Amino acid sequence: MAQIKTEKEYEAAMARIDELLPLTWGDNVPEDSPENIELSLLSDLVAEYEDVHYPVKAPSLVEVLKLRMYEMGLSQKNAAALLGISSPRMSEIMHGKTEPSLSLARTMCIKMNISPELALGL
């Protein structure tokens, strides 16, 4: 198969994937069925196209902190207390005015289940 080059080709591939998905569900469909093979090939082509035309950037530390605080039901003040820092320091981090220290990044990873790569800005 060739590479997807246009939005029209992309849309056609997505439509075909939508047609193939119901045909590949279940334990009774062999992995080497024509539908599964076609679905796999089209999925790879679509993924390549999307990587170029619809890239998804990694979230910022602030975005991840806001999400984790929401998920954990924490206010900014509660999050600061959990991390062992002052409310003003937490506010500076949340507004992007400062980065966490290595020690604080480690604490965020442990106590808020944040990826080390995000906490360290990698």
PDB file of N, CA and C in Angstrom:
ATOM      1  N   MET A   1       0.837  -1.188   0.000  1.00  0.00           N
ATOM      2  CA  MET A   1       0.000   0.000   0.000  1.00  0.00           C
ATOM      3  C   MET A   1       0.876   1.244   0.000  1.00  0.00           C
ATOM      4  N   ALA A   2       0.353   2.274  -0.571  1.00  0.00           N
ATOM      5  CA  ALA A   2       1.075   3.533  -0.638  1.00  0.00           C
ATOM      6  C   ALA A   2       0.788   4.386   0.586  1.00  0.00           C
ATOM      7  N   GLN A   3       1.536   5.424   0.691  1.00  0.00           N
ATOM      8  CA  GLN A   3       1.376   6.368   1.790  1.00  0.00           C
ATOM      9  C   GLN A   3       0.128   7.227   1.555  1.00  0.00           C
ATOM     10  N   ILE A   4      -0.551   7.616   2.638  1.00  0.00           N
ATOM     11  CA  ILE A   4      -1.683   8.529   2.524  1.00  0.00           C
ATOM     12  C   ILE A   4      -1.104   9.928   2.328  1.00  0.00           C
ATOM     13  N   LYS A   5      -1.548  10.601   1.248  1.00  0.00           N
ATOM     14  CA  LYS A   5      -0.952  11.897   0.918  1.00  0.00           C
ATOM     15  C   LYS A   5      -1.911  13.068   1.034  1.00  0.00           C
ATOM     16  N   THR A   6      -3.206  12.812   0.961  1.00  0.00           N
ATOM     17  CA  THR A   6      -4.164  13.922   0.987  1.00  0.00           C
ATOM     18  C   THR A   6      -5.214  13.691   2.078  1.00  0.00           C
ATOM     19  N   GLU A   7      -5.890  14.758   2.409  1.00  0.00           N
ATOM     20  CA  GLU A   7      -6.965  14.678   3.398  1.00  0.00           C
ATOM     21  C   GLU A   7      -8.098  13.786   2.889  1.00  0.00           C
ATOM     22  N   LYS A   8      -8.340  13.828   1.593  1.00  0.00           N
ATOM     23  CA  LYS A   8      -9.393  12.988   1.005  1.00  0.00           C
ATOM     24  C   LYS A   8      -9.044  11.508   1.164  1.00  0.00           C
ATOM     25  N   GLU A   9      -7.777  11.147   0.917  1.00  0.00           N
ATOM     26  CA  GLU A   9      -7.337   9.769   1.098  1.00  0.00           C
ATOM     27  C   GLU A   9      -7.428   9.368   2.576  1.00  0.00           C
ATOM     28  N   TYR A  10      -7.090  10.292   3.434  1.00  0.00           N
ATOM     29  CA  TYR A  10      -7.176  10.048   4.883  1.00  0.00           C
ATOM     30  C   TYR A  10      -8.621   9.763   5.288  1.00  0.00           C
ATOM     31  N   GLU A  11      -9.531  10.577   4.815  1.00  0.00           N
ATOM     32  CA  GLU A  11     -10.949  10.395   5.150  1.00  0.00           C
ATOM     33  C   GLU A  11     -11.468   9.058   4.613  1.00  0.00           C
ATOM     34  N   ALA A  12     -11.029   8.679   3.417  1.00  0.00           N
ATOM     35  CA  ALA A  12     -11.451   7.397   2.842  1.00  0.00           C
ATOM     36  C   ALA A  12     -10.905   6.236   3.677  1.00  0.00           C
ATOM     37  N   ALA A  13      -9.655   6.357   4.123  1.00  0.00           N
ATOM     38  CA  ALA A  13      -9.060   5.309   4.958  1.00  0.00           C
ATOM     39  C   ALA A  13      -9.807   5.200   6.281  1.00  0.00           C
ATOM     40  N   MET A  14     -10.153   6.331   6.871  1.00  0.00           N
ATOM     41  CA  MET A  14     -10.895   6.316   8.137  1.00  0.00           C
ATOM     42  C   MET A  14     -12.277   5.683   7.952  1.00  0.00           C
ATOM     43  N   ALA A  15     -12.925   5.987   6.844  1.00  0.00           N
ATOM     44  CA  ALA A  15     -14.240   5.395   6.559  1.00  0.00           C
ATOM     45  C   ALA A  15     -14.116   3.879   6.410  1.00  0.00           C
ATOM     46  N   ARG A  16     -13.054   3.437   5.733  1.00  0.00           N
ATOM     47  CA  ARG A  16     -12.859   1.992   5.559  1.00  0.00           C
ATOM     48  C   ARG A  16     -12.554   1.320   6.889  1.00  0.00           C
ATOM     49  N   ILE A  17     -11.792   1.994   7.749  1.00  0.00           N
ATOM     50  CA  ILE A  17     -11.521   1.454   9.086  1.00  0.00           C
ATOM     51  C   ILE A  17     -12.829   1.281   9.847  1.00  0.00           C
ATOM     52  N   ASP A  18     -13.714   2.273   9.739  1.00  0.00           N
ATOM     53  CA  ASP A  18     -15.022   2.171  10.401  1.00  0.00           C
ATOM     54  C   ASP A  18     -15.810   0.970   9.888  1.00  0.00           C
ATOM     55  N   GLU A  19     -15.679   0.660   8.604  1.00  0.00           N
ATOM     56  CA  GLU A  19     -16.367  -0.509   8.038  1.00  0.00           C
ATOM     57  C   GLU A  19     -15.736  -1.816   8.535  1.00  0.00           C
ATOM     58  N   LEU A  20     -14.416  -1.822   8.675  1.00  0.00           N
ATOM     59  CA  LEU A  20     -13.701  -3.042   9.054  1.00  0.00           C
ATOM     60  C   LEU A  20     -13.822  -3.385  10.532  1.00  0.00           C
ATOM     61  N   LEU A  21     -13.915  -2.390  11.379  1.00  0.00           N
ATOM     62  CA  LEU A  21     -13.930  -2.658  12.823  1.00  0.00           C
ATOM     63  C   LEU A  21     -14.990  -3.670  13.251  1.00  0.00           C
ATOM     64  N   PRO A  22     -16.242  -3.515  12.821  1.00  0.00           N
ATOM     65  CA  PRO A  22     -17.241  -4.505  13.249  1.00  0.00           C
ATOM     66  C   PRO A  22     -16.957  -5.916  12.719  1.00  0.00           C
ATOM     67  N   LEU A  23     -16.230  -5.989  11.610  1.00  0.00           N
ATOM     68  CA  LEU A  23     -15.930  -7.288  11.015  1.00  0.00           C
ATOM     69  C   LEU A  23     -14.772  -8.003  11.704  1.00  0.00           C
ATOM     70  N   THR A  24     -14.065  -7.287  12.570  1.00  0.00           N
ATOM     71  CA  THR A  24     -12.878  -7.866  13.210  1.00  0.00           C
ATOM     72  C   THR A  24     -13.050  -8.061  14.711  1.00  0.00           C
ATOM     73  N   TRP A  25     -14.235  -7.788  15.229  1.00  0.00           N
ATOM     74  CA  TRP A  25     -14.492  -7.969  16.662  1.00  0.00           C
ATOM     75  C   TRP A  25     -14.719  -9.436  16.976  1.00  0.00           C
ATOM     76  N   GLY A  26     -14.357  -9.801  18.174  1.00  0.00           N
ATOM     77  CA  GLY A  26     -14.685 -11.136  18.649  1.00  0.00           C
ATOM     78  C   GLY A  26     -13.546 -12.117  18.547  1.00  0.00           C
ATOM     79  N   ASP A  27     -13.697 -13.178  19.296  1.00  0.00           N
ATOM     80  CA  ASP A  27     -12.677 -14.218  19.360  1.00  0.00           C
ATOM     81  C   ASP A  27     -12.730 -15.172  18.167  1.00  0.00           C
ATOM     82  N   ASN A  28     -13.815 -15.142  17.420  1.00  0.00           N
ATOM     83  CA  ASN A  28     -13.982 -16.077  16.305  1.00  0.00           C
ATOM     84  C   ASN A  28     -13.319 -15.600  15.016  1.00  0.00           C
ATOM     85  N   VAL A  29     -12.767 -14.384  15.015  1.00  0.00           N
ATOM     86  CA  VAL A  29     -12.149 -13.845  13.814  1.00  0.00           C
ATOM     87  C   VAL A  29     -10.645 -14.106  13.888  1.00  0.00           C
ATOM     88  N   PRO A  30     -10.100 -14.889  12.959  1.00  0.00           N
ATOM     89  CA  PRO A  30      -8.662 -15.168  13.005  1.00  0.00           C
ATOM     90  C   PRO A  30      -7.836 -13.916  12.732  1.00  0.00           C
ATOM     91  N   GLU A  31      -6.674 -13.845  13.368  1.00  0.00           N
ATOM     92  CA  GLU A  31      -5.809 -12.684  13.190  1.00  0.00           C
ATOM     93  C   GLU A  31      -5.330 -12.542  11.754  1.00  0.00           C
ATOM     94  N   ASP A  32      -5.255 -13.634  11.031  1.00  0.00           N
ATOM     95  CA  ASP A  32      -4.788 -13.564   9.652  1.00  0.00           C
ATOM     96  C   ASP A  32      -5.935 -13.464   8.642  1.00  0.00           C
ATOM     97  N   SER A  33      -7.116 -13.063   9.122  1.00  0.00           N
ATOM     98  CA  SER A  33      -8.239 -12.872   8.197  1.00  0.00           C
ATOM     99  C   SER A  33      -7.940 -11.656   7.319  1.00  0.00           C
ATOM    100  N   PRO A  34      -8.481 -11.634   6.102  1.00  0.00           N
ATOM    101  CA  PRO A  34      -8.246 -10.489   5.213  1.00  0.00           C
ATOM    102  C   PRO A  34      -8.661  -9.155   5.845  1.00  0.00           C
ATOM    103  N   GLU A  35      -9.750  -9.182   6.612  1.00  0.00           N
ATOM    104  CA  GLU A  35     -10.220  -7.948   7.253  1.00  0.00           C
ATOM    105  C   GLU A  35      -9.220  -7.454   8.303  1.00  0.00           C
ATOM    106  N   ASN A  36      -8.697  -8.365   9.126  1.00  0.00           N
ATOM    107  CA  ASN A  36      -7.722  -7.974  10.140  1.00  0.00           C
ATOM    108  C   ASN A  36      -6.425  -7.468   9.511  1.00  0.00           C
ATOM    109  N   ILE A  37      -6.002  -8.111   8.433  1.00  0.00           N
ATOM    110  CA  ILE A  37      -4.779  -7.673   7.746  1.00  0.00           C
ATOM    111  C   ILE A  37      -4.986  -6.282   7.150  1.00  0.00           C
ATOM    112  N   GLU A  38      -6.114  -6.087   6.489  1.00  0.00           N
ATOM    113  CA  GLU A  38      -6.399  -4.777   5.901  1.00  0.00           C
ATOM    114  C   GLU A  38      -6.513  -3.712   6.988  1.00  0.00           C
ATOM    115  N   LEU A  39      -7.175  -4.042   8.087  1.00  0.00           N
ATOM    116  CA  LEU A  39      -7.315  -3.095   9.195  1.00  0.00           C
ATOM    117  C   LEU A  39      -5.956  -2.707   9.763  1.00  0.00           C
ATOM    118  N   SER A  40      -5.092  -3.665   9.914  1.00  0.00           N
ATOM    119  CA  SER A  40      -3.751  -3.393  10.440  1.00  0.00           C
ATOM    120  C   SER A  40      -2.960  -2.480   9.507  1.00  0.00           C
ATOM    121  N   LEU A  41      -3.004  -2.783   8.222  1.00  0.00           N
ATOM    122  CA  LEU A  41      -2.277  -1.957   7.254  1.00  0.00           C
ATOM    123  C   LEU A  41      -2.826  -0.535   7.201  1.00  0.00           C
ATOM    124  N   LEU A  42      -4.144  -0.410   7.134  1.00  0.00           N
ATOM    125  CA  LEU A  42      -4.751   0.917   7.095  1.00  0.00           C
ATOM    126  C   LEU A  42      -4.464   1.697   8.381  1.00  0.00           C
ATOM    127  N   SER A  43      -4.511   1.020   9.516  1.00  0.00           N
ATOM    128  CA  SER A  43      -4.237   1.686  10.790  1.00  0.00           C
ATOM    129  C   SER A  43      -2.826   2.251  10.823  1.00  0.00           C
ATOM    130  N   ASP A  44      -1.866   1.491  10.296  1.00  0.00           N
ATOM    131  CA  ASP A  44      -0.483   1.980  10.239  1.00  0.00           C
ATOM    132  C   ASP A  44      -0.362   3.200   9.336  1.00  0.00           C
ATOM    133  N   LEU A  45      -1.022   3.150   8.176  1.00  0.00           N
ATOM    134  CA  LEU A  45      -0.981   4.288   7.253  1.00  0.00           C
ATOM    135  C   LEU A  45      -1.626   5.523   7.860  1.00  0.00           C
ATOM    136  N   VAL A  46      -2.745   5.339   8.527  1.00  0.00           N
ATOM    137  CA  VAL A  46      -3.438   6.457   9.175  1.00  0.00           C
ATOM    138  C   VAL A  46      -2.577   7.028  10.299  1.00  0.00           C
ATOM    139  N   ALA A  47      -1.954   6.175  11.081  1.00  0.00           N
ATOM    140  CA  ALA A  47      -1.104   6.646  12.174  1.00  0.00           C
ATOM    141  C   ALA A  47       0.050   7.489  11.640  1.00  0.00           C
ATOM    142  N   GLU A  48       0.665   7.045  10.552  1.00  0.00           N
ATOM    143  CA  GLU A  48       1.749   7.818   9.937  1.00  0.00           C
ATOM    144  C   GLU A  48       1.254   9.186   9.477  1.00  0.00           C
ATOM    145  N   TYR A  49       0.102   9.219   8.830  1.00  0.00           N
ATOM    146  CA  TYR A  49      -0.469  10.475   8.345  1.00  0.00           C
ATOM    147  C   TYR A  49      -0.787  11.402   9.523  1.00  0.00           C
ATOM    148  N   GLU A  50      -1.389  10.855  10.568  1.00  0.00           N
ATOM    149  CA  GLU A  50      -1.761  11.668  11.722  1.00  0.00           C
ATOM    150  C   GLU A  50      -0.535  12.206  12.456  1.00  0.00           C
ATOM    151  N   ASP A  51       0.535  11.423  12.517  1.00  0.00           N
ATOM    152  CA  ASP A  51       1.760  11.903  13.164  1.00  0.00           C
ATOM    153  C   ASP A  51       2.276  13.170  12.504  1.00  0.00           C
ATOM    154  N   VAL A  52       2.120  13.257  11.179  1.00  0.00           N
ATOM    155  CA  VAL A  52       2.598  14.419  10.440  1.00  0.00           C
ATOM    156  C   VAL A  52       1.584  15.561  10.458  1.00  0.00           C
ATOM    157  N   HIS A  53       0.316  15.238  10.214  1.00  0.00           N
ATOM    158  CA  HIS A  53      -0.698  16.276  10.028  1.00  0.00           C
ATOM    159  C   HIS A  53      -1.501  16.639  11.275  1.00  0.00           C
ATOM    160  N   TYR A  54      -1.531  15.769  12.253  1.00  0.00           N
ATOM    161  CA  TYR A  54      -2.274  16.026  13.489  1.00  0.00           C
ATOM    162  C   TYR A  54      -1.427  15.641  14.707  1.00  0.00           C
ATOM    163  N   PRO A  55      -0.241  16.237  14.827  1.00  0.00           N
ATOM    164  CA  PRO A  55       0.615  15.837  15.949  1.00  0.00           C
ATOM    165  C   PRO A  55      -0.015  16.215  17.286  1.00  0.00           C
ATOM    166  N   VAL A  56       0.205  15.356  18.254  1.00  0.00           N
ATOM    167  CA  VAL A  56      -0.295  15.611  19.605  1.00  0.00           C
ATOM    168  C   VAL A  56       0.909  15.921  20.483  1.00  0.00           C
ATOM    169  N   LYS A  57       0.942  17.127  20.992  1.00  0.00           N
ATOM    170  CA  LYS A  57       2.073  17.499  21.828  1.00  0.00           C
ATOM    171  C   LYS A  57       1.868  16.977  23.241  1.00  0.00           C
ATOM    172  N   ALA A  58       2.973  16.774  23.902  1.00  0.00           N
ATOM    173  CA  ALA A  58       2.920  16.311  25.286  1.00  0.00           C
ATOM    174  C   ALA A  58       2.327  17.420  26.155  1.00  0.00           C
ATOM    175  N   PRO A  59       1.543  17.061  27.158  1.00  0.00           N
ATOM    176  CA  PRO A  59       0.974  18.083  28.031  1.00  0.00           C
ATOM    177  C   PRO A  59       2.070  18.738  28.870  1.00  0.00           C
ATOM    178  N   SER A  60       1.818  19.966  29.275  1.00  0.00           N
ATOM    179  CA  SER A  60       2.760  20.658  30.148  1.00  0.00           C
ATOM    180  C   SER A  60       2.581  20.152  31.576  1.00  0.00           C
ATOM    181  N   LEU A  61       3.560  20.435  32.411  1.00  0.00           N
ATOM    182  CA  LEU A  61       3.461  20.054  33.816  1.00  0.00           C
ATOM    183  C   LEU A  61       2.246  20.701  34.468  1.00  0.00           C
ATOM    184  N   VAL A  62       1.985  21.945  34.151  1.00  0.00           N
ATOM    185  CA  VAL A  62       0.831  22.645  34.737  1.00  0.00           C
ATOM    186  C   VAL A  62      -0.467  21.948  34.336  1.00  0.00           C
ATOM    187  N   GLU A  63      -0.588  21.557  33.069  1.00  0.00           N
ATOM    188  CA  GLU A  63      -1.798  20.857  32.614  1.00  0.00           C
ATOM    189  C   GLU A  63      -1.971  19.537  33.354  1.00  0.00           C
ATOM    190  N   VAL A  64      -0.880  18.819  33.537  1.00  0.00           N
ATOM    191  CA  VAL A  64      -0.935  17.536  34.239  1.00  0.00           C
ATOM    192  C   VAL A  64      -1.270  17.760  35.718  1.00  0.00           C
ATOM    193  N   LEU A  65      -0.668  18.769  36.323  1.00  0.00           N
ATOM    194  CA  LEU A  65      -0.979  19.073  37.728  1.00  0.00           C
ATOM    195  C   LEU A  65      -2.457  19.401  37.900  1.00  0.00           C
ATOM    196  N   LYS A  66      -2.990  20.229  37.018  1.00  0.00           N
ATOM    197  CA  LYS A  66      -4.413  20.587  37.107  1.00  0.00           C
ATOM    198  C   LYS A  66      -5.297  19.349  36.983  1.00  0.00           C
ATOM    199  N   LEU A  67      -4.962  18.473  36.050  1.00  0.00           N
ATOM    200  CA  LEU A  67      -5.734  17.245  35.875  1.00  0.00           C
ATOM    201  C   LEU A  67      -5.649  16.367  37.111  1.00  0.00           C
ATOM    202  N   ARG A  68      -4.443  16.141  37.622  1.00  0.00           N
ATOM    203  CA  ARG A  68      -4.275  15.290  38.808  1.00  0.00           C
ATOM    204  C   ARG A  68      -4.977  15.901  40.012  1.00  0.00           C
ATOM    205  N   MET A  69      -4.901  17.218  40.171  1.00  0.00           N
ATOM    206  CA  MET A  69      -5.601  17.865  41.287  1.00  0.00           C
ATOM    207  C   MET A  69      -7.104  17.638  41.165  1.00  0.00           C
ATOM    208  N   TYR A  70      -7.627  17.761  39.952  1.00  0.00           N
ATOM    209  CA  TYR A  70      -9.051  17.510  39.717  1.00  0.00           C
ATOM    210  C   TYR A  70      -9.396  16.063  40.058  1.00  0.00           C
ATOM    211  N   GLU A  71      -8.595  15.134  39.544  1.00  0.00           N
ATOM    212  CA  GLU A  71      -8.854  13.709  39.773  1.00  0.00           C
ATOM    213  C   GLU A  71      -8.780  13.343  41.254  1.00  0.00           C
ATOM    214  N   MET A  72      -7.888  14.011  41.972  1.00  0.00           N
ATOM    215  CA  MET A  72      -7.705  13.710  43.389  1.00  0.00           C
ATOM    216  C   MET A  72      -8.600  14.567  44.288  1.00  0.00           C
ATOM    217  N   GLY A  73      -9.361  15.485  43.691  1.00  0.00           N
ATOM    218  CA  GLY A  73     -10.245  16.353  44.463  1.00  0.00           C
ATOM    219  C   GLY A  73      -9.485  17.356  45.325  1.00  0.00           C
ATOM    220  N   LEU A  74      -8.351  17.835  44.823  1.00  0.00           N
ATOM    221  CA  LEU A  74      -7.510  18.741  45.601  1.00  0.00           C
ATOM    222  C   LEU A  74      -7.631  20.171  45.109  1.00  0.00           C
ATOM    223  N   SER A  75      -7.697  21.092  46.055  1.00  0.00           N
ATOM    224  CA  SER A  75      -7.570  22.494  45.714  1.00  0.00           C
ATOM    225  C   SER A  75      -6.073  22.788  45.589  1.00  0.00           C
ATOM    226  N   GLN A  76      -5.749  23.957  45.122  1.00  0.00           N
ATOM    227  CA  GLN A  76      -4.335  24.332  45.015  1.00  0.00           C
ATOM    228  C   GLN A  76      -3.683  24.345  46.397  1.00  0.00           C
ATOM    229  N   LYS A  77      -4.423  24.807  47.373  1.00  0.00           N
ATOM    230  CA  LYS A  77      -3.914  24.840  48.747  1.00  0.00           C
ATOM    231  C   LYS A  77      -3.677  23.423  49.276  1.00  0.00           C
ATOM    232  N   ASN A  78      -4.622  22.514  49.015  1.00  0.00           N
ATOM    233  CA  ASN A  78      -4.468  21.122  49.452  1.00  0.00           C
ATOM    234  C   ASN A  78      -3.308  20.434  48.743  1.00  0.00           C
ATOM    235  N   ALA A  79      -3.145  20.736  47.463  1.00  0.00           N
ATOM    236  CA  ALA A  79      -2.035  20.152  46.702  1.00  0.00           C
ATOM    237  C   ALA A  79      -0.702  20.631  47.258  1.00  0.00           C
ATOM    238  N   ALA A  80      -0.636  21.910  47.603  1.00  0.00           N
ATOM    239  CA  ALA A  80       0.596  22.450  48.192  1.00  0.00           C
ATOM    240  C   ALA A  80       0.916  21.729  49.498  1.00  0.00           C
ATOM    241  N   ALA A  81      -0.100  21.521  50.317  1.00  0.00           N
ATOM    242  CA  ALA A  81       0.104  20.825  51.591  1.00  0.00           C
ATOM    243  C   ALA A  81       0.561  19.384  51.347  1.00  0.00           C
ATOM    244  N   LEU A  82      -0.050  18.709  50.389  1.00  0.00           N
ATOM    245  CA  LEU A  82       0.332  17.338  50.061  1.00  0.00           C
ATOM    246  C   LEU A  82       1.795  17.256  49.623  1.00  0.00           C
ATOM    247  N   LEU A  83       2.239  18.260  48.872  1.00  0.00           N
ATOM    248  CA  LEU A  83       3.606  18.277  48.357  1.00  0.00           C
ATOM    249  C   LEU A  83       4.610  18.874  49.339  1.00  0.00           C
ATOM    250  N   GLY A  84       4.101  19.440  50.426  1.00  0.00           N
ATOM    251  CA  GLY A  84       4.988  20.006  51.436  1.00  0.00           C
ATOM    252  C   GLY A  84       5.608  21.333  51.032  1.00  0.00           C
ATOM    253  N   ILE A  85       4.852  22.116  50.258  1.00  0.00           N
ATOM    254  CA  ILE A  85       5.336  23.439  49.857  1.00  0.00           C
ATOM    255  C   ILE A  85       4.308  24.493  50.239  1.00  0.00           C
ATOM    256  N   SER A  86       4.705  25.748  50.183  1.00  0.00           N
ATOM    257  CA  SER A  86       3.790  26.833  50.535  1.00  0.00           C
ATOM    258  C   SER A  86       2.797  27.078  49.404  1.00  0.00           C
ATOM    259  N   SER A  87       1.675  27.680  49.750  1.00  0.00           N
ATOM    260  CA  SER A  87       0.669  28.025  48.739  1.00  0.00           C
ATOM    261  C   SER A  87       1.227  28.999  47.699  1.00  0.00           C
ATOM    262  N   PRO A  88       2.007  30.014  48.123  1.00  0.00           N
ATOM    263  CA  PRO A  88       2.582  30.909  47.106  1.00  0.00           C
ATOM    264  C   PRO A  88       3.522  30.180  46.143  1.00  0.00           C
ATOM    265  N   ARG A  89       4.302  29.231  46.644  1.00  0.00           N
ATOM    266  CA  ARG A  89       5.203  28.454  45.777  1.00  0.00           C
ATOM    267  C   ARG A  89       4.383  27.621  44.788  1.00  0.00           C
ATOM    268  N   MET A  90       3.312  27.011  45.255  1.00  0.00           N
ATOM    269  CA  MET A  90       2.439  26.225  44.385  1.00  0.00           C
ATOM    270  C   MET A  90       1.819  27.129  43.321  1.00  0.00           C
ATOM    271  N   SER A  91       1.418  28.325  43.707  1.00  0.00           N
ATOM    272  CA  SER A  91       0.839  29.278  42.772  1.00  0.00           C
ATOM    273  C   SER A  91       1.845  29.657  41.689  1.00  0.00           C
ATOM    274  N   GLU A  92       3.100  29.859  42.068  1.00  0.00           N
ATOM    275  CA  GLU A  92       4.136  30.186  41.086  1.00  0.00           C
ATOM    276  C   GLU A  92       4.306  29.049  40.070  1.00  0.00           C
ATOM    277  N   ILE A  93       4.264  27.827  40.551  1.00  0.00           N
ATOM    278  CA  ILE A  93       4.386  26.668  39.657  1.00  0.00           C
ATOM    279  C   ILE A  93       3.164  26.579  38.746  1.00  0.00           C
ATOM    280  N   MET A  94       1.987  26.745  39.316  1.00  0.00           N
ATOM    281  CA  MET A  94       0.747  26.628  38.547  1.00  0.00           C
ATOM    282  C   MET A  94       0.604  27.723  37.487  1.00  0.00           C
ATOM    283  N   HIS A  95       1.252  28.865  37.711  1.00  0.00           N
ATOM    284  CA  HIS A  95       1.184  29.955  36.732  1.00  0.00           C
ATOM    285  C   HIS A  95       2.415  29.987  35.817  1.00  0.00           C
ATOM    286  N   GLY A  96       3.255  28.940  35.913  1.00  0.00           N
ATOM    287  CA  GLY A  96       4.406  28.841  35.037  1.00  0.00           C
ATOM    288  C   GLY A  96       5.514  29.831  35.320  1.00  0.00           C
ATOM    289  N   LYS A  97       5.506  30.433  36.509  1.00  0.00           N
ATOM    290  CA  LYS A  97       6.529  31.421  36.855  1.00  0.00           C
ATOM    291  C   LYS A  97       7.818  30.777  37.343  1.00  0.00           C
ATOM    292  N   THR A  98       7.723  29.525  37.787  1.00  0.00           N
ATOM    293  CA  THR A  98       8.899  28.812  38.267  1.00  0.00           C
ATOM    294  C   THR A  98       8.733  27.324  38.012  1.00  0.00           C
ATOM    295  N   GLU A  99       9.830  26.630  37.972  1.00  0.00           N
ATOM    296  CA  GLU A  99       9.836  25.180  37.799  1.00  0.00           C
ATOM    297  C   GLU A  99      10.061  24.525  39.162  1.00  0.00           C
ATOM    298  N   PRO A 100       9.561  23.315  39.349  1.00  0.00           N
ATOM    299  CA  PRO A 100       9.811  22.623  40.623  1.00  0.00           C
ATOM    300  C   PRO A 100      11.275  22.209  40.736  1.00  0.00           C
ATOM    301  N   SER A 101      11.754  22.167  41.946  1.00  0.00           N
ATOM    302  CA  SER A 101      13.105  21.660  42.183  1.00  0.00           C
ATOM    303  C   SER A 101      13.113  20.159  41.899  1.00  0.00           C
ATOM    304  N   LEU A 102      14.289  19.591  41.821  1.00  0.00           N
ATOM    305  CA  LEU A 102      14.409  18.152  41.591  1.00  0.00           C
ATOM    306  C   LEU A 102      13.704  17.373  42.702  1.00  0.00           C
ATOM    307  N   SER A 103      13.880  17.836  43.935  1.00  0.00           N
ATOM    308  CA  SER A 103      13.239  17.184  45.077  1.00  0.00           C
ATOM    309  C   SER A 103      11.715  17.267  44.982  1.00  0.00           C
ATOM    310  N   LEU A 104      11.216  18.441  44.615  1.00  0.00           N
ATOM    311  CA  LEU A 104       9.766  18.614  44.498  1.00  0.00           C
ATOM    312  C   LEU A 104       9.225  17.793  43.324  1.00  0.00           C
ATOM    313  N   ALA A 105       9.961  17.743  42.227  1.00  0.00           N
ATOM    314  CA  ALA A 105       9.532  16.933  41.084  1.00  0.00           C
ATOM    315  C   ALA A 105       9.406  15.474  41.499  1.00  0.00           C
ATOM    316  N   ARG A 106      10.352  15.005  42.281  1.00  0.00           N
ATOM    317  CA  ARG A 106      10.297  13.617  42.763  1.00  0.00           C
ATOM    318  C   ARG A 106       9.059  13.404  43.646  1.00  0.00           C
ATOM    319  N   THR A 107       8.781  14.357  44.501  1.00  0.00           N
ATOM    320  CA  THR A 107       7.606  14.268  45.374  1.00  0.00           C
ATOM    321  C   THR A 107       6.320  14.256  44.554  1.00  0.00           C
ATOM    322  N   MET A 108       6.269  15.063  43.500  1.00  0.00           N
ATOM    323  CA  MET A 108       5.090  15.086  42.620  1.00  0.00           C
ATOM    324  C   MET A 108       4.885  13.716  41.978  1.00  0.00           C
ATOM    325  N   CYS A 109       5.988  13.115  41.557  1.00  0.00           N
ATOM    326  CA  CYS A 109       5.904  11.793  40.923  1.00  0.00           C
ATOM    327  C   CYS A 109       5.316  10.772  41.884  1.00  0.00           C
ATOM    328  N   ILE A 110       5.775  10.814  43.104  1.00  0.00           N
ATOM    329  CA  ILE A 110       5.370   9.816  44.093  1.00  0.00           C
ATOM    330  C   ILE A 110       3.962  10.087  44.614  1.00  0.00           C
ATOM    331  N   LYS A 111       3.717  11.309  45.053  1.00  0.00           N
ATOM    332  CA  LYS A 111       2.449  11.598  45.738  1.00  0.00           C
ATOM    333  C   LYS A 111       1.272  11.888  44.806  1.00  0.00           C
ATOM    334  N   MET A 112       1.586  12.337  43.570  1.00  0.00           N
ATOM    335  CA  MET A 112       0.486  12.671  42.647  1.00  0.00           C
ATOM    336  C   MET A 112       0.496  11.779  41.410  1.00  0.00           C
ATOM    337  N   ASN A 113       1.388  10.776  41.395  1.00  0.00           N
ATOM    338  CA  ASN A 113       1.470   9.831  40.283  1.00  0.00           C
ATOM    339  C   ASN A 113       1.646  10.562  38.948  1.00  0.00           C
ATOM    340  N   ILE A 114       2.621  11.442  38.913  1.00  0.00           N
ATOM    341  CA  ILE A 114       2.939  12.187  37.705  1.00  0.00           C
ATOM    342  C   ILE A 114       4.206  11.592  37.110  1.00  0.00           C
ATOM    343  N   SER A 115       4.215  11.448  35.815  1.00  0.00           N
ATOM    344  CA  SER A 115       5.362  10.874  35.104  1.00  0.00           C
ATOM    345  C   SER A 115       6.631  11.672  35.388  1.00  0.00           C
ATOM    346  N   PRO A 116       7.734  10.983  35.669  1.00  0.00           N
ATOM    347  CA  PRO A 116       9.004  11.699  35.896  1.00  0.00           C
ATOM    348  C   PRO A 116       9.402  12.568  34.706  1.00  0.00           C
ATOM    349  N   GLU A 117       9.135  12.130  33.497  1.00  0.00           N
ATOM    350  CA  GLU A 117       9.477  12.922  32.315  1.00  0.00           C
ATOM    351  C   GLU A 117       8.755  14.262  32.326  1.00  0.00           C
ATOM    352  N   LEU A 118       7.494  14.255  32.713  1.00  0.00           N
ATOM    353  CA  LEU A 118       6.727  15.507  32.767  1.00  0.00           C
ATOM    354  C   LEU A 118       7.178  16.374  33.931  1.00  0.00           C
ATOM    355  N   ALA A 119       7.385  15.763  35.071  1.00  0.00           N
ATOM    356  CA  ALA A 119       7.783  16.519  36.261  1.00  0.00           C
ATOM    357  C   ALA A 119       9.137  17.182  36.061  1.00  0.00           C
ATOM    358  N   LEU A 120      10.011  16.536  35.277  1.00  0.00           N
ATOM    359  CA  LEU A 120      11.346  17.066  35.058  1.00  0.00           C
ATOM    360  C   LEU A 120      11.435  17.880  33.768  1.00  0.00           C
ATOM    361  N   GLY A 121      10.342  17.956  33.027  1.00  0.00           N
ATOM    362  CA  GLY A 121      10.335  18.737  31.800  1.00  0.00           C
ATOM    363  C   GLY A 121      11.122  18.110  30.669  1.00  0.00           C
ATOM    364  N   LEU A 122      11.156  16.796  30.616  1.00  0.00           N
ATOM    365  CA  LEU A 122      11.907  16.099  29.557  1.00  0.00           C
ATOM    366  C   LEU A 122      11.037  15.830  28.355  1.00  0.00           C
TER     367      LEU A 122
END
